Amino acid sequence: MRLLVVNTGSSSLKLRVLADAGGGWEVEAAADLDRWGGEEDLDRERLEPVVADAAAGGLDAVGHRVVHGGTELTEATVVSPEVEDRILALTPLAPLHQPQAIAGVRAVRPLVPDVPHVACFDTAFHATLPEAAATYALPERWRSRWGLRRFGFHGLSHAWAVRRAPAVAGLSADGPGASRIVSCHLGAGASLCAARDGQSVDTTMGYTPLEGLVMATRSGTVDPGLLLWLIDHGGLSAGEVTDGLEHDAGLAGLTGTSGDMRDVLAARARGHAAAAAGFDIYIHRLRREIAAMTAALGGVDILAFTGGVGEHAAEVRAAAVDGLGFLGLALDPDRNAATDADADISAPDAGARTVVVTAREDLEIADQVRARLGSSV
């Protein structure tokens, strides 16, 4: 099988050509397009030469990353006009991502028209959340009318990290000591996932990607009463509050930097007081939520760091695990400082393993496309 994987972000697009000759997926070609605008005609012109090269060797299918599938799209799904409409209907829940994903489908499909296009959803991995974890304590009439529940996000990244982590730790996925995994996807957006036997049972993001950890420009969890106060007494409109929570909060709001962890760490190293305080707040929330995910599992066997920050910021990993010795977690300082790729960074005598897993959403999408299409291609 030979696939084109289209990973559409809010302002960028990543293309990967993956081939499976029976020994696992191999990347045959890759291209990243910055400033992806969702303007179909213009973007199709930029895509055409790249996709033409990918298609020259023949393609069996195209896999597309989509952030939100709602309550109905909970597995990889062949994209039809009806499915496009259902994806776009969820735009209010992921306004930066849903239109871009469909723009990606509509730009690529005319260039690869004769193979299935399959949507793979970030929310789908969390469809296994038990009711106790998925349900908000809201009036039943609200929940039933609007389908209000916790969805969770970063599911493609978490799914890969959960499947990959046991091998990185030198364990069998179905053997002892690998059942309970806490996956930490840390990037500009960030979330944790508690997985038992490969299935998501809890996560930090909720109805939207705003809930949970402190992120680059997003606030994470905030007392809803505070937000109501800002609207009722602070004179802010709902739109102003939304914009502030999405774009001006998080590490950016705390530190006065861009919110990129690299900028925060650099400012902290220079003695910037706000950067140091913002880092401490970020770590406090991260450490607290790791413990919460562990509680949801009744213990932890493997803690996995992935995503841009999770893979490359050794300081973040060290600070997060520091103080979690009561969970059996401890790092080897030298291993932690030396790695930014798949590696076990646990202290030799740690009761639970800590690993770094390179984010590979493209491989997870490829696996889901293959499972969805089976022998039909």
Protein backbone atom coordinates (compact mmCIF):
# COMPACT_ATOMS: atom_id res chain seq x y z
CA MET A 1 0.00 0.00 0.00
CA ARG A 2 1.21 3.52 -0.83
CA LEU A 3 -0.47 6.49 0.86
CA LEU A 4 -0.39 10.26 0.88
CA VAL A 5 -0.95 11.64 4.39
CA VAL A 6 -2.25 15.22 4.59
CA ASN A 7 -1.84 16.75 8.05
CA THR A 8 -3.57 20.13 8.02
CA GLY A 9 -2.92 22.53 10.88
CA SER A 10 -4.40 25.93 11.58
CA SER A 11 -1.79 27.67 9.39
CA SER A 12 0.39 24.95 7.88
CA LEU A 13 0.13 21.70 5.97
CA LYS A 14 2.40 18.63 6.12
CA LEU A 15 2.49 16.03 3.36
CA ARG A 16 4.02 12.59 3.72
CA VAL A 17 4.16 9.76 1.19
CA LEU A 18 4.28 6.45 3.06
CA ALA A 19 4.85 3.04 1.52
CA ASP A 20 4.26 -0.30 3.22
CA ALA A 21 6.09 -3.18 1.60
CA GLY A 22 5.23 -5.53 4.44
CA GLY A 23 7.89 -4.46 6.90
CA GLY A 24 6.30 -1.28 8.20
CA TRP A 25 5.80 2.20 6.80
CA GLU A 26 8.65 4.04 5.10
CA VAL A 27 8.60 7.75 4.28
CA GLU A 28 9.29 8.12 0.57
CA ALA A 29 8.70 11.86 0.32
CA ALA A 30 7.86 14.79 2.59
CA ALA A 31 6.88 18.42 2.15
CA ASP A 32 5.76 21.08 4.62
CA LEU A 33 3.86 24.15 3.47
CA ASP A 34 3.81 27.16 5.81
CA ARG A 35 1.15 29.86 5.70
CA TRP A 36 -1.51 27.43 4.54
CA GLY A 37 -4.48 29.73 4.12
CA GLY A 38 -7.42 27.49 3.29
CA GLU A 39 -7.90 29.39 0.03
CA GLU A 40 -8.62 26.43 -2.21
CA ASP A 41 -7.59 27.77 -5.60
CA LEU A 42 -4.38 29.41 -4.38
CA ASP A 43 -3.43 26.47 -2.17
CA ARG A 44 -4.17 23.98 -4.94
CA GLU A 45 -1.63 25.79 -7.11
CA ARG A 46 0.98 25.42 -4.36
CA LEU A 47 0.08 21.77 -3.80
CA GLU A 48 -0.08 20.67 -7.41
CA PRO A 49 3.65 20.13 -8.10
CA VAL A 50 4.20 18.47 -4.71
CA VAL A 51 1.24 16.11 -5.01
CA ALA A 52 2.05 15.36 -8.65
CA ASP A 53 5.46 14.08 -7.58
CA ALA A 54 3.85 11.98 -4.83
CA ALA A 55 1.25 10.53 -7.17
CA ALA A 56 3.78 9.67 -9.87
CA GLY A 57 4.59 6.39 -8.18
CA GLY A 58 0.92 5.54 -7.75
CA LEU A 59 -1.23 6.06 -4.67
CA ASP A 60 -3.78 3.73 -3.11
CA ALA A 61 -5.41 6.28 -0.79
CA VAL A 62 -5.09 9.67 0.87
CA GLY A 63 -5.41 10.09 4.63
CA HIS A 64 -6.44 13.44 6.12
CA ARG A 65 -6.08 14.62 9.71
CA VAL A 66 -9.25 16.24 11.06
CA VAL A 67 -9.35 17.66 14.59
CA HIS A 68 -13.02 17.22 15.52
CA GLY A 69 -15.37 14.38 14.66
CA GLY A 70 -18.03 15.09 17.27
CA THR A 71 -20.18 12.27 18.62
CA GLU A 72 -20.82 10.62 15.24
CA LEU A 73 -17.45 10.48 13.46
CA THR A 74 -15.56 8.25 15.88
CA GLU A 75 -13.45 6.19 13.47
CA ALA A 76 -11.59 6.67 10.21
CA THR A 77 -14.21 7.54 7.58
CA VAL A 78 -14.17 7.79 3.78
CA VAL A 79 -14.81 11.44 2.91
CA SER A 80 -18.03 12.09 1.01
CA PRO A 81 -19.91 15.37 0.51
CA GLU A 82 -22.08 14.44 3.50
CA VAL A 83 -19.02 13.81 5.67
CA GLU A 84 -17.55 17.16 4.58
CA ASP A 85 -20.75 18.87 5.71
CA ARG A 86 -20.64 17.09 9.08
CA ILE A 87 -17.03 18.15 9.60
CA LEU A 88 -17.80 21.77 8.73
CA ALA A 89 -20.83 21.75 11.05
CA LEU A 90 -18.37 21.28 13.92
CA THR A 91 -16.48 24.48 13.06
CA PRO A 92 -17.74 26.35 16.17
CA LEU A 93 -15.96 23.75 18.32
CA ALA A 94 -12.62 23.96 16.45
CA PRO A 95 -12.78 27.13 14.36
CA LEU A 96 -9.07 27.21 13.50
CA HIS A 97 -8.98 23.65 12.21
CA GLN A 98 -12.21 22.34 10.70
CA PRO A 99 -12.39 24.68 7.67
CA GLN A 100 -8.67 24.16 7.03
CA ALA A 101 -9.06 20.38 7.02
CA ILE A 102 -11.83 20.55 4.43
CA ALA A 103 -9.81 23.06 2.40
CA GLY A 104 -7.05 20.45 2.39
CA VAL A 105 -9.44 17.74 1.18
CA ARG A 106 -10.83 19.97 -1.56
CA ALA A 107 -7.38 21.09 -2.69
CA VAL A 108 -5.90 17.58 -2.85
CA ARG A 109 -8.87 15.59 -4.18
CA PRO A 110 -8.78 17.06 -7.74
CA LEU A 111 -5.07 16.18 -7.87
CA VAL A 112 -5.66 12.59 -6.69
CA PRO A 113 -9.25 11.97 -7.81
CA ASP A 114 -9.44 8.22 -8.28
CA VAL A 115 -8.53 6.87 -4.82
CA PRO A 116 -10.37 6.94 -1.47
CA HIS A 117 -9.83 9.97 0.73
CA VAL A 118 -10.13 8.99 4.40
CA ALA A 119 -10.59 11.36 7.34
CA CYS A 120 -8.91 10.41 10.64
CA PHE A 121 -10.10 12.30 13.71
CA ASP A 122 -8.20 13.58 16.74
CA THR A 123 -11.30 13.18 18.89
CA ALA A 124 -11.86 9.55 17.88
CA PHE A 125 -9.25 8.05 20.22
CA HIS A 126 -11.18 9.48 23.16
CA ALA A 127 -14.52 7.97 22.10
CA THR A 128 -13.77 5.23 24.66
CA LEU A 129 -13.93 7.66 27.60
CA PRO A 130 -16.27 6.22 30.24
CA GLU A 131 -19.34 8.29 31.06
CA ALA A 132 -17.85 9.30 34.40
CA ALA A 133 -14.92 10.94 32.60
CA ALA A 134 -16.86 12.32 29.62
CA THR A 135 -19.82 13.92 31.40
CA TYR A 136 -19.97 17.51 32.61
CA ALA A 137 -22.08 18.18 35.72
CA LEU A 138 -24.48 20.38 33.76
CA PRO A 139 -28.28 20.37 33.65
CA GLU A 140 -29.49 17.32 31.74
CA ARG A 141 -31.64 19.49 29.45
CA TRP A 142 -28.48 21.29 28.28
CA ARG A 143 -26.49 18.12 27.78
CA SER A 144 -29.22 16.39 25.78
CA ARG A 145 -30.14 19.43 23.68
CA TRP A 146 -26.61 20.35 22.61
CA GLY A 147 -24.69 17.12 23.10
CA LEU A 148 -22.42 18.68 25.67
CA ARG A 149 -19.63 16.34 26.79
CA ARG A 150 -15.87 16.09 27.00
CA PHE A 151 -14.39 15.09 23.64
CA GLY A 152 -10.61 15.34 24.13
CA PHE A 153 -8.11 16.16 21.39
CA HIS A 154 -4.61 15.29 20.11
CA GLY A 155 -5.97 11.76 19.76
CA LEU A 156 -3.80 10.78 16.79
CA SER A 157 -0.67 11.80 18.70
CA HIS A 158 -1.80 10.13 21.92
CA ALA A 159 -2.77 6.94 20.07
CA TRP A 160 0.71 6.67 18.54
CA ALA A 161 2.47 7.49 21.82
CA VAL A 162 0.43 4.89 23.70
CA ARG A 163 1.20 2.19 21.11
CA ARG A 164 4.87 3.12 20.79
CA ALA A 165 5.77 3.74 24.45
CA PRO A 166 6.04 0.09 25.60
CA ALA A 167 8.54 -0.74 22.85
CA VAL A 168 10.63 2.33 23.73
CA ALA A 169 10.59 1.18 27.36
CA GLY A 170 11.67 -2.31 26.29
CA LEU A 171 8.35 -3.87 27.27
CA SER A 172 5.71 -5.91 25.49
CA ALA A 173 2.54 -3.92 24.86
CA ASP A 174 0.37 -6.70 26.28
CA GLY A 175 2.84 -7.80 28.94
CA PRO A 176 3.21 -6.81 32.59
CA GLY A 177 4.19 -3.24 33.39
CA ALA A 178 2.76 -1.65 30.24
CA SER A 179 -1.00 -1.50 30.83
CA ARG A 180 -1.30 1.98 32.35
CA ILE A 181 0.20 4.79 30.26
CA VAL A 182 0.01 8.55 30.75
CA SER A 183 0.75 10.28 27.45
CA CYS A 184 1.88 13.93 27.54
CA HIS A 185 1.43 15.72 24.20
CA LEU A 186 3.21 19.00 24.84
CA GLY A 187 3.43 21.56 22.06
CA ALA A 188 1.82 24.93 21.39
CA GLY A 189 -1.34 23.05 22.27
CA ALA A 190 -0.98 20.53 25.08
CA SER A 191 -2.98 17.74 26.63
CA LEU A 192 -2.55 14.56 28.63
CA CYS A 193 -4.23 11.21 28.14
CA ALA A 194 -4.67 8.31 30.55
CA ALA A 195 -4.77 5.04 28.61
CA ARG A 196 -5.44 1.56 29.93
CA ASP A 197 -4.71 -1.41 27.68
CA GLY A 198 -4.40 0.93 24.70
CA GLN A 199 -7.70 2.77 25.22
CA SER A 200 -8.25 6.34 26.40
CA VAL A 201 -10.02 6.50 29.76
CA ASP A 202 -9.38 10.15 30.64
CA THR A 203 -7.85 13.28 29.14
CA THR A 204 -7.30 16.93 30.06
CA MET A 205 -8.97 18.69 27.12
CA GLY A 206 -12.75 18.74 27.02
CA TYR A 207 -15.57 20.11 24.86
CA THR A 208 -13.01 22.38 23.20
CA PRO A 209 -9.19 22.47 23.17
CA LEU A 210 -9.23 25.25 25.80
CA GLU A 211 -9.59 22.99 28.84
CA GLY A 212 -6.69 21.53 30.78
CA LEU A 213 -3.00 22.47 30.76
CA VAL A 214 -1.43 25.90 30.38
CA MET A 215 -0.46 26.18 26.69
CA ALA A 216 1.48 28.59 24.50
CA THR A 217 -1.34 31.12 24.04
CA ARG A 218 -4.34 29.26 25.51
CA SER A 219 -5.28 29.58 29.15
CA GLY A 220 -6.17 25.99 29.94
CA THR A 221 -8.74 25.45 32.69
CA VAL A 222 -10.12 28.64 34.24
CA ASP A 223 -12.92 29.05 36.80
CA PRO A 224 -16.07 29.60 34.67
CA GLY A 225 -17.27 32.06 37.30
CA LEU A 226 -14.26 34.24 36.52
CA LEU A 227 -15.21 34.30 32.83
CA LEU A 228 -18.80 35.22 33.66
CA TRP A 229 -17.48 38.02 35.88
CA LEU A 230 -15.41 39.40 33.00
CA ILE A 231 -18.54 39.54 30.84
CA ASP A 232 -21.03 40.73 33.47
CA HIS A 233 -18.80 43.11 35.42
CA GLY A 234 -15.58 43.56 33.48
CA GLY A 235 -17.30 44.95 30.41
CA LEU A 236 -15.79 42.45 28.00
CA SER A 237 -17.82 40.88 25.22
CA ALA A 238 -17.96 37.11 24.76
CA GLY A 239 -15.85 37.59 21.63
CA GLU A 240 -13.18 39.51 23.54
CA VAL A 241 -13.05 36.82 26.21
CA THR A 242 -12.77 34.09 23.58
CA ASP A 243 -9.99 35.91 21.76
CA GLY A 244 -8.09 36.52 24.99
CA LEU A 245 -8.36 32.89 26.11
CA GLU A 246 -7.23 31.57 22.73
CA HIS A 247 -4.53 34.02 21.68
CA ASP A 248 -3.32 36.18 24.57
CA ALA A 249 -3.32 33.82 27.55
CA GLY A 250 -1.19 30.81 28.50
CA LEU A 251 2.58 31.26 28.57
CA ALA A 252 2.29 34.33 26.34
CA GLY A 253 0.03 36.07 28.83
CA LEU A 254 2.11 35.00 31.81
CA THR A 255 5.56 35.83 30.46
CA GLY A 256 5.16 38.58 27.88
CA THR A 257 6.92 36.37 25.32
CA SER A 258 5.49 34.68 22.23
CA GLY A 259 4.46 31.75 24.41
CA ASP A 260 6.80 29.41 22.55
CA MET A 261 8.54 27.31 25.21
CA ARG A 262 11.91 27.96 23.58
CA ASP A 263 11.44 31.69 24.09
CA VAL A 264 10.25 31.16 27.66
CA LEU A 265 13.27 29.01 28.54
CA ALA A 266 15.68 31.49 26.95
CA ALA A 267 14.14 34.41 28.86
CA ARG A 268 14.17 32.38 32.09
CA ALA A 269 17.87 31.63 31.59
CA ARG A 270 18.51 35.38 31.30
CA GLY A 271 16.87 35.95 34.68
CA HIS A 272 13.54 37.23 33.35
CA ALA A 273 11.27 37.12 36.41
CA ALA A 274 7.98 36.77 34.54
CA ALA A 275 9.38 33.94 32.42
CA ALA A 276 10.53 32.11 35.54
CA ALA A 277 7.14 32.55 37.18
CA GLY A 278 5.30 31.48 34.02
CA PHE A 279 7.45 28.36 33.76
CA ASP A 280 6.64 27.46 37.38
CA ILE A 281 2.92 27.89 36.74
CA TYR A 282 3.12 25.73 33.61
CA ILE A 283 4.98 22.99 35.48
CA HIS A 284 2.64 23.14 38.49
CA ARG A 285 -0.38 22.50 36.28
CA LEU A 286 1.44 19.83 34.26
CA ARG A 287 2.62 17.95 37.34
CA ARG A 288 -0.83 18.17 38.94
CA GLU A 289 -2.56 16.80 35.86
CA ILE A 290 -0.06 13.95 35.45
CA ALA A 291 -1.00 12.91 38.98
CA ALA A 292 -4.70 13.24 38.12
CA MET A 293 -4.32 11.02 35.04
CA THR A 294 -2.44 8.51 37.20
CA ALA A 295 -5.32 8.53 39.67
CA ALA A 296 -7.74 7.77 36.84
CA LEU A 297 -5.66 4.68 36.05
CA GLY A 298 -5.03 3.61 39.62
CA GLY A 299 -1.28 3.93 39.04
CA VAL A 300 1.13 4.44 36.16
CA ASP A 301 3.44 2.02 34.36
CA ILE A 302 4.80 4.37 31.67
CA LEU A 303 4.90 8.16 31.39
CA ALA A 304 5.42 9.20 27.76
CA PHE A 305 6.46 12.68 26.56
CA THR A 306 5.73 13.63 22.95
CA GLY A 307 5.13 16.75 20.83
CA GLY A 308 7.55 19.59 20.18
CA VAL A 309 8.03 20.55 23.84
CA GLY A 310 7.74 17.01 25.14
CA GLU A 311 10.44 15.78 22.78
CA HIS A 312 12.90 18.66 22.89
CA ALA A 313 12.61 20.45 26.25
CA ALA A 314 14.60 18.37 28.74
CA GLU A 315 14.07 21.07 31.38
CA VAL A 316 10.31 20.65 31.14
CA ARG A 317 10.53 16.87 31.47
CA ALA A 318 12.86 17.11 34.46
CA ALA A 319 10.76 19.72 36.25
CA ALA A 320 7.52 17.82 35.60
CA VAL A 321 8.81 14.53 36.97
CA ASP A 322 10.58 16.15 39.92
CA GLY A 323 8.27 15.69 42.89
CA LEU A 324 6.42 12.71 41.36
CA GLY A 325 8.60 10.13 43.03
CA PHE A 326 5.58 9.00 45.05
CA LEU A 327 4.19 7.67 41.73
CA GLY A 328 7.36 5.66 41.13
CA LEU A 329 8.69 8.13 38.54
CA ALA A 330 12.31 9.30 38.37
CA LEU A 331 14.61 10.37 35.54
CA ASP A 332 18.21 9.65 34.68
CA PRO A 333 19.55 13.22 34.32
CA ASP A 334 22.15 12.32 31.69
CA ARG A 335 19.73 10.35 29.53
CA ASN A 336 17.12 13.07 29.84
CA ALA A 337 19.55 15.82 28.82
CA ALA A 338 20.95 13.84 25.88
CA THR A 339 17.80 12.77 24.03
CA ASP A 340 15.18 14.34 21.80
CA ALA A 341 14.08 11.14 20.07
CA ASP A 342 12.62 7.78 21.09
CA ALA A 343 14.38 6.87 24.33
CA ASP A 344 13.88 5.50 27.83
CA ILE A 345 15.01 8.27 30.19
CA SER A 346 14.07 6.55 33.45
CA ALA A 347 16.38 6.31 36.43
CA PRO A 348 17.62 2.70 36.76
CA ASP A 349 15.76 2.14 40.02
CA ALA A 350 12.50 3.88 39.04
CA GLY A 351 9.34 1.92 39.73
CA ALA A 352 7.69 3.22 36.54
CA ARG A 353 9.26 4.03 33.18
CA THR A 354 9.51 7.48 31.60
CA VAL A 355 10.06 7.65 27.85
CA VAL A 356 10.30 10.15 25.02
CA VAL A 357 8.27 9.22 21.93
CA THR A 358 8.72 11.03 18.63
CA ALA A 359 5.33 12.27 17.45
CA ARG A 360 4.28 10.39 14.33
CA GLU A 361 0.70 11.30 13.52
CA ASP A 362 1.46 10.33 9.92
CA LEU A 363 2.06 6.71 10.90
CA GLU A 364 -1.09 6.62 13.03
CA ILE A 365 -3.12 8.02 10.14
CA ALA A 366 -1.58 5.48 7.77
CA ASP A 367 -2.45 2.62 10.10
CA GLN A 368 -6.02 3.86 10.46
CA VAL A 369 -6.44 4.25 6.70
CA ARG A 370 -5.15 0.73 6.10
CA ALA A 371 -7.46 -0.68 8.77
CA ARG A 372 -10.44 1.22 7.32
CA LEU A 373 -9.88 0.21 3.70
CA GLY A 374 -8.49 -3.28 4.30
CA SER A 375 -8.25 -5.27 1.08
CA SER A 376 -10.46 -2.86 -0.86
CA VAL A 377 -7.45 -1.01 -2.31
